[in-house]
Structure formats: C-alpha cells, structure tokens
C-alpha cells in the first residue's frame, strides 16, 4: 500500500486534510494559515503535510478554522 492510501491517525487530522483541499466558502480569507497550501501542494503533499503535523498544530488549525467559520457564517446572516 502506498503512502497516499494510509489512513490519517485521527478524525481531526482527516478534517485538516479536507481543509487543505479547499475552503468551505468560495474563497478563504487572507488570514487562513492553509490558504497558500491549497494551490501549492499536490494531493500527496497535502496528505504528507497533514500526517506530519503535531497534535498541537492540528488542534490550532482546527480552532482557527472554527472561529473563522463561525465569523463568516455570522457575517452572512447580517445581510
């Protein structure tokens, strides 16, 4: 089995891998820590990147994502 077929070690890491693929919104913000990686890395490189993150880095990315997601939803609801 090649490295791309290995399963990420936990659901949080899987979510980070999904966020590396693209933003849930049409475009991510300039403050997004994953923004540059969306286009610069191949799928294989994104997988390796997600697997190489420490648990703390994974948690930090997910916390920032949740805050951004909530803010953007709130902004949409203020129309």
Protein backbone atom coordinates (compact mmCIF):
# COMPACT_ATOMS: atom_id res chain seq x y z
CA UNK A 1 0.00 0.00 0.00
CA UNK A 2 1.44 3.38 -1.00
CA UNK A 3 1.69 6.28 1.44
CA UNK A 4 -1.32 8.11 -0.05
CA UNK A 5 -3.52 5.16 0.91
CA UNK A 6 -2.50 5.20 4.56
CA UNK A 7 -5.26 6.45 6.82
CA UNK A 8 -4.66 9.60 8.86
CA UNK A 9 -4.20 8.77 12.53
CA UNK A 10 -7.34 10.50 13.82
CA UNK A 11 -10.52 12.25 12.66
CA UNK A 12 -9.08 15.70 13.41
CA UNK A 13 -6.17 15.07 11.06
CA UNK A 14 -8.66 13.92 8.41
CA UNK A 15 -10.53 17.21 8.78
CA UNK A 16 -7.27 19.16 8.36
CA UNK A 17 -6.59 17.17 5.19
CA UNK A 18 -10.04 18.16 3.90
CA UNK A 19 -9.37 21.80 4.77
CA UNK A 20 -6.09 21.56 2.85
CA UNK A 21 -8.08 20.57 -0.24
CA UNK A 22 -10.24 23.70 -0.16
CA UNK A 23 -12.17 26.15 1.94
CA UNK A 24 -15.85 25.54 2.67
CA UNK A 25 -16.52 29.03 1.38
CA UNK A 26 -15.93 30.13 -2.21
CA UNK A 27 -12.58 31.62 -1.20
CA UNK A 28 -10.60 31.52 2.00
CA UNK A 29 -9.55 34.64 3.85
CA UNK A 30 -6.09 36.15 3.61
CA UNK A 31 -5.53 35.20 7.26
CA UNK A 32 -6.12 31.49 6.66
CA UNK A 33 -2.99 29.50 7.56
CA UNK A 34 -3.83 26.94 4.87
CA UNK A 35 -4.52 29.40 2.04
CA UNK A 36 -1.16 29.14 0.29
CA UNK A 37 -1.12 25.35 0.65
CA UNK A 38 -4.44 24.90 -1.19
CA UNK A 39 -2.80 25.56 -4.55
CA UNK A 40 0.89 24.97 -3.86
CA UNK A 41 0.76 21.32 -2.79
CA UNK A 42 -0.27 18.20 -4.69
CA UNK A 43 -2.75 15.84 -3.07
CA UNK A 44 0.11 13.60 -2.00
CA UNK A 45 1.98 16.55 -0.47
CA UNK A 46 -1.16 17.67 1.37
CA UNK A 47 -1.54 14.17 2.80
CA UNK A 48 2.09 14.12 3.93
CA UNK A 49 1.75 17.62 5.39
CA UNK A 50 -1.35 16.63 7.41
CA UNK A 51 0.35 13.49 8.71
CA UNK A 52 3.47 15.47 9.65
CA UNK A 53 1.63 17.98 11.85
CA UNK A 54 1.88 17.62 15.61
CA UNK A 55 -1.35 17.13 17.56
CA UNK A 56 -0.98 20.70 18.83
CA UNK A 57 -0.63 22.07 15.28
CA UNK A 58 -3.72 20.11 14.20
CA UNK A 59 -5.67 21.50 17.15
CA UNK A 60 -4.51 25.07 16.44
CA UNK A 61 -5.59 24.82 12.78
CA UNK A 62 -9.00 23.45 13.77
CA UNK A 63 -9.55 26.14 16.40
CA UNK A 64 -8.68 28.89 13.90
CA UNK A 65 -10.93 27.24 11.30
CA UNK A 66 -13.87 27.05 13.71
CA UNK A 67 -13.53 30.72 14.69
CA UNK A 68 -13.24 31.80 11.05
CA UNK A 69 -16.17 29.60 10.02
CA UNK A 70 -18.41 31.00 12.76
CA UNK A 71 -17.45 34.59 11.91
CA UNK A 72 -18.10 34.10 8.22
CA UNK A 73 -21.48 32.48 8.89
CA UNK A 74 -22.34 35.35 11.21
CA UNK A 75 -21.32 37.87 8.55
CA UNK A 76 -23.55 36.12 6.01
CA UNK A 77 -26.51 36.29 8.40
CA UNK A 78 -26.16 40.06 8.82
CA UNK A 79 -27.33 40.79 5.29
